[in-house]
Amino acid sequence: MHPDHPLRRRLLLAGAAGLAAFTALPGTAHAGGTGAEAVEPDIDSTTTWGARSPRGNISLLQYRPSRIVVHHTVSANTSDFSRAQAHAHAHWVQDLHLDKNNWVDTGYHFLVSRGGWITEGRHGSLRALTGGRNFVLGSHTSGQNDQAIGIACEGAYHAGAVPPEAQWDVLVTLCAYVCARYGIPSAQLHGHKDYGETLCPGVYHDMLPRLREEVAAARAA
């Protein structure tokens, strides 16, 4: 992870203040009575990265999601780890979903770039996550769109491709935060292929046991 990345700065500040004292730090999250906590990551909203407007109304579901589903976007495994590239990737995904799939908006709630930057996908996802009481209907996993938060990782992870460390670290932090805000058990992290005939999310699916362990550890710190 780049030394100037906002998540790294936030984690360094947390370490300096004492990791055991998360509750006293800004940027921590509480999961409505569960006692779980997590570092709040920096997430670039649809406004920040200049998303196109949705093509219709986005449904706001008046309950919490029960799980997270991890995806990969099957985009290029770029070596450009910049924030600008994360924004360009968010545009690429939205254009694909609007213009080719004819969806109302980006199907995923959030995207994690190869450089470890997080962008809001579907409009309204970030506001709902911050509130922790409801979430927007996604378009990422058949049969799970009204139950799960969809998080997509930039890149193609078939044939043994390895996720960059920055992407992995931020995926853990984002999943921990989503679980904390919504009271989702750390065990309820799944891959797209758990729910259909697909290879998505590639090697990330094999890494799900590690992801669950690291998310649980991040919430317990």
Protein backbone atom coordinates (compact mmCIF):
# COMPACT_ATOMS: atom_id res chain seq x y z
CA MET A 1 0.00 0.00 0.00
CA HIS A 2 1.32 3.45 -0.91
CA PRO A 3 2.57 5.33 2.20
CA ASP A 4 0.25 8.26 1.44
CA HIS A 5 -2.86 6.12 0.97
CA PRO A 6 -5.65 7.42 3.25
CA LEU A 7 -6.33 4.00 4.77
CA ARG A 8 -2.66 3.60 5.67
CA ARG A 9 -2.66 7.04 7.30
CA ARG A 10 -5.80 6.16 9.26
CA LEU A 11 -4.31 2.86 10.43
CA LEU A 12 -1.07 4.56 11.47
CA LEU A 13 -3.04 7.07 13.50
CA ALA A 14 -4.96 4.23 15.12
CA GLY A 15 -1.72 2.48 15.98
CA ALA A 16 -0.23 5.62 17.48
CA ALA A 17 -3.24 6.11 19.71
CA GLY A 18 -3.27 2.47 20.79
CA LEU A 19 -5.09 -0.20 18.83
CA ALA A 20 -6.98 -1.31 21.90
CA ALA A 21 -8.62 2.10 22.17
CA PHE A 22 -10.56 2.13 18.92
CA THR A 23 -13.66 3.47 20.60
CA ALA A 24 -11.89 6.76 21.31
CA LEU A 25 -10.80 7.33 17.72
CA PRO A 26 -12.56 9.15 14.91
CA GLY A 27 -13.21 6.88 11.95
CA THR A 28 -14.40 3.90 13.98
CA ALA A 29 -17.75 2.26 13.43
CA HIS A 30 -20.25 0.61 15.74
CA ALA A 31 -22.68 -2.08 14.69
CA GLY A 32 -25.90 -1.19 16.42
CA GLY A 33 -25.73 -3.15 19.63
CA THR A 34 -23.45 -5.96 18.45
CA GLY A 35 -20.40 -4.59 20.26
CA ALA A 36 -18.35 -5.03 17.09
CA GLU A 37 -16.12 -2.23 15.87
CA ALA A 38 -14.12 -1.57 12.72
CA VAL A 39 -11.95 1.12 11.18
CA GLU A 40 -13.96 3.33 8.84
CA PRO A 41 -12.26 3.32 5.43
CA ASP A 42 -12.13 6.25 3.02
CA ILE A 43 -14.74 5.70 0.31
CA ASP A 44 -15.04 7.95 -2.73
CA SER A 45 -18.72 8.64 -3.35
CA THR A 46 -20.39 8.63 -6.75
CA THR A 47 -20.20 12.43 -6.62
CA THR A 48 -16.46 12.35 -5.92
CA TRP A 49 -15.63 10.18 -8.92
CA GLY A 50 -18.20 11.83 -11.18
CA ALA A 51 -20.64 9.00 -11.81
CA ARG A 52 -23.38 9.28 -14.39
CA SER A 53 -26.91 9.66 -13.06
CA PRO A 54 -28.95 6.46 -12.68
CA ARG A 55 -31.39 5.62 -15.45
CA GLY A 56 -34.29 5.25 -13.09
CA ASN A 57 -35.22 4.88 -9.47
CA ILE A 58 -33.00 2.88 -7.14
CA SER A 59 -34.89 0.94 -4.48
CA LEU A 60 -33.95 1.52 -0.86
CA LEU A 61 -34.66 -1.62 1.17
CA GLN A 62 -35.82 -0.88 4.69
CA TYR A 63 -33.79 -3.58 6.42
CA ARG A 64 -30.18 -4.65 6.78
CA PRO A 65 -28.35 -7.03 4.44
CA SER A 66 -27.43 -10.41 5.89
CA ARG A 67 -24.22 -11.14 3.95
CA ILE A 68 -21.52 -9.86 1.62
CA VAL A 69 -20.82 -11.28 -1.82
CA VAL A 70 -17.34 -10.73 -3.29
CA HIS A 71 -16.78 -10.34 -7.05
CA HIS A 72 -14.04 -9.44 -9.49
CA THR A 73 -14.71 -7.15 -12.44
CA VAL A 74 -12.59 -9.06 -15.00
CA SER A 75 -10.94 -5.81 -16.02
CA ALA A 76 -7.25 -5.44 -16.83
CA ASN A 77 -4.78 -6.26 -14.06
CA THR A 78 -3.31 -2.79 -14.30
CA SER A 79 -0.13 -1.70 -12.56
CA ASP A 80 -1.59 1.80 -12.18
CA PHE A 81 -2.48 1.92 -8.49
CA SER A 82 -3.54 5.57 -8.46
CA ARG A 83 -6.77 7.07 -7.22
CA ALA A 84 -7.38 8.38 -10.74
CA GLN A 85 -7.26 4.81 -12.04
CA ALA A 86 -9.77 3.74 -9.38
CA HIS A 87 -12.12 6.45 -10.65
CA ALA A 88 -11.54 5.44 -14.27
CA HIS A 89 -12.34 1.85 -13.32
CA ALA A 90 -15.56 2.93 -11.60
CA HIS A 91 -16.57 4.73 -14.83
CA TRP A 92 -15.72 1.63 -16.88
CA VAL A 93 -17.90 -0.58 -14.70
CA GLN A 94 -20.82 1.87 -14.67
CA ASP A 95 -20.68 2.33 -18.45
CA LEU A 96 -20.71 -1.45 -18.89
CA HIS A 97 -23.68 -1.92 -16.60
CA LEU A 98 -25.67 1.02 -18.00
CA ASP A 99 -24.93 0.69 -21.70
CA LYS A 100 -24.44 -3.05 -22.21
CA ASN A 101 -26.49 -4.61 -19.41
CA ASN A 102 -29.16 -1.87 -19.50
CA TRP A 103 -29.27 -1.72 -15.71
CA VAL A 104 -30.39 1.29 -13.74
CA ASP A 105 -26.88 1.89 -12.36
CA THR A 106 -23.68 0.10 -11.37
CA GLY A 107 -24.67 -3.33 -10.08
CA TYR A 108 -22.15 -3.47 -7.22
CA HIS A 109 -22.47 -1.44 -4.05
CA PHE A 110 -18.72 -0.83 -3.76
CA LEU A 111 -15.55 -1.42 -5.77
CA VAL A 112 -11.99 -1.91 -4.50
CA SER A 113 -9.22 -0.93 -6.91
CA ARG A 114 -5.94 -2.76 -7.33
CA GLY A 115 -4.27 0.18 -5.62
CA GLY A 116 -6.53 -0.07 -2.58
CA TRP A 117 -8.96 2.79 -3.29
CA ILE A 118 -12.66 2.27 -2.59
CA THR A 119 -15.36 3.77 -4.78
CA GLU A 120 -19.09 3.74 -4.21
CA GLY A 121 -20.79 1.81 -7.00
CA ARG A 122 -24.57 2.11 -6.96
CA HIS A 123 -25.86 5.52 -5.93
CA GLY A 124 -27.05 5.66 -2.33
CA SER A 125 -24.92 2.75 -1.14
CA LEU A 126 -22.54 4.88 0.92
CA ARG A 127 -25.25 6.91 2.65
CA ALA A 128 -27.13 3.73 3.53
CA LEU A 129 -23.96 2.06 4.84
CA THR A 130 -23.15 5.05 7.02
CA GLY A 131 -26.65 4.92 8.52
CA GLY A 132 -26.43 1.16 9.06
CA ARG A 133 -30.20 0.58 8.95
CA ASN A 134 -31.00 -0.02 5.28
CA PHE A 135 -29.32 -0.65 1.93
CA VAL A 136 -30.01 -0.20 -1.74
CA LEU A 137 -31.12 -3.03 -4.00
CA GLY A 138 -28.13 -4.18 -6.05
CA SER A 139 -27.68 -6.05 -9.33
CA HIS A 140 -24.71 -8.30 -8.72
CA THR A 141 -25.80 -11.81 -7.76
CA SER A 142 -28.96 -13.61 -8.88
CA GLY A 143 -31.17 -14.37 -5.89
CA GLN A 144 -29.03 -12.31 -3.51
CA ASN A 145 -29.51 -8.73 -4.64
CA ASP A 146 -32.05 -8.02 -1.91
CA GLN A 147 -29.98 -9.80 0.75
CA ALA A 148 -26.32 -9.01 0.15
CA ILE A 149 -23.86 -6.18 -0.27
CA GLY A 150 -21.91 -6.69 -3.48
CA ILE A 151 -18.22 -5.74 -3.39
CA ALA A 152 -16.21 -6.04 -6.60
CA CYS A 153 -12.41 -6.12 -6.87
CA GLU A 154 -10.78 -4.50 -9.88
CA GLY A 155 -8.98 -7.04 -12.04
CA ALA A 156 -9.22 -10.58 -13.40
CA TYR A 157 -8.22 -13.30 -10.96
CA HIS A 158 -8.42 -16.49 -12.98
CA ALA A 159 -5.45 -18.78 -13.70
CA GLY A 160 -3.61 -18.07 -10.48
CA ALA A 161 -3.50 -14.27 -10.64
CA VAL A 162 -2.64 -12.85 -7.20
CA PRO A 163 -4.44 -9.79 -5.79
CA PRO A 164 -2.14 -6.89 -4.89
CA GLU A 165 -1.49 -6.46 -1.18
CA ALA A 166 -3.09 -3.01 -1.17
CA GLN A 167 -6.31 -4.37 -2.65
CA TRP A 168 -6.45 -7.26 -0.21
CA ASP A 169 -5.80 -5.10 2.84
CA VAL A 170 -8.50 -2.60 1.89
CA LEU A 171 -10.98 -5.36 1.02
CA VAL A 172 -10.51 -6.72 4.55
CA THR A 173 -11.03 -3.26 6.04
CA LEU A 174 -14.12 -2.55 3.93
CA CYS A 175 -15.69 -5.94 4.70
CA ALA A 176 -15.02 -5.45 8.42
CA TYR A 177 -16.66 -2.03 8.30
CA VAL A 178 -19.69 -3.28 6.36
CA CYS A 179 -20.08 -6.18 8.79
CA ALA A 180 -19.82 -3.80 11.75
CA ARG A 181 -22.31 -1.26 10.40
CA TYR A 182 -24.88 -3.89 9.48
CA GLY A 183 -24.28 -6.49 12.17
CA ILE A 184 -23.26 -9.12 9.60
CA PRO A 185 -21.34 -12.08 11.05
CA SER A 186 -17.80 -12.35 9.70
CA ALA A 187 -18.64 -15.88 8.54
CA GLN A 188 -21.22 -14.47 6.10
CA LEU A 189 -18.69 -13.50 3.43
CA HIS A 190 -19.26 -15.36 0.20
CA GLY A 191 -18.16 -15.44 -3.41
CA HIS A 192 -20.34 -14.98 -6.49
CA LYS A 193 -19.84 -18.62 -7.51
CA ASP A 194 -21.53 -19.74 -4.27
CA TYR A 195 -24.80 -18.65 -5.85
CA GLY A 196 -24.54 -19.56 -9.52
CA GLU A 197 -22.65 -21.04 -12.47
CA THR A 198 -19.77 -18.60 -12.70
CA LEU A 199 -16.01 -18.50 -12.15
CA CYS A 200 -16.31 -15.18 -10.33
CA PRO A 201 -14.48 -14.10 -8.17
CA GLY A 202 -11.62 -16.34 -9.35
CA VAL A 203 -8.85 -16.93 -6.81
CA TYR A 204 -10.64 -14.64 -4.39
CA HIS A 205 -13.09 -17.49 -3.84
CA ASP A 206 -10.26 -19.75 -2.64
CA MET A 207 -9.17 -16.95 -0.30
CA LEU A 208 -12.56 -16.59 1.39
CA PRO A 209 -11.58 -18.59 4.52
CA ARG A 210 -8.63 -16.24 5.02
CA LEU A 211 -10.86 -13.23 4.35
CA ARG A 212 -13.35 -14.34 7.00
CA GLU A 213 -10.54 -14.85 9.52
CA GLU A 214 -8.94 -11.48 8.85
CA VAL A 215 -12.27 -9.65 8.93
CA ALA A 216 -13.07 -11.28 12.28
CA ALA A 217 -9.65 -10.28 13.59
CA ALA A 218 -10.08 -6.70 12.37
CA ARG A 219 -13.39 -6.43 14.21
CA ALA A 220 -11.96 -7.89 17.41
CA ALA A 221 -8.86 -5.66 17.51
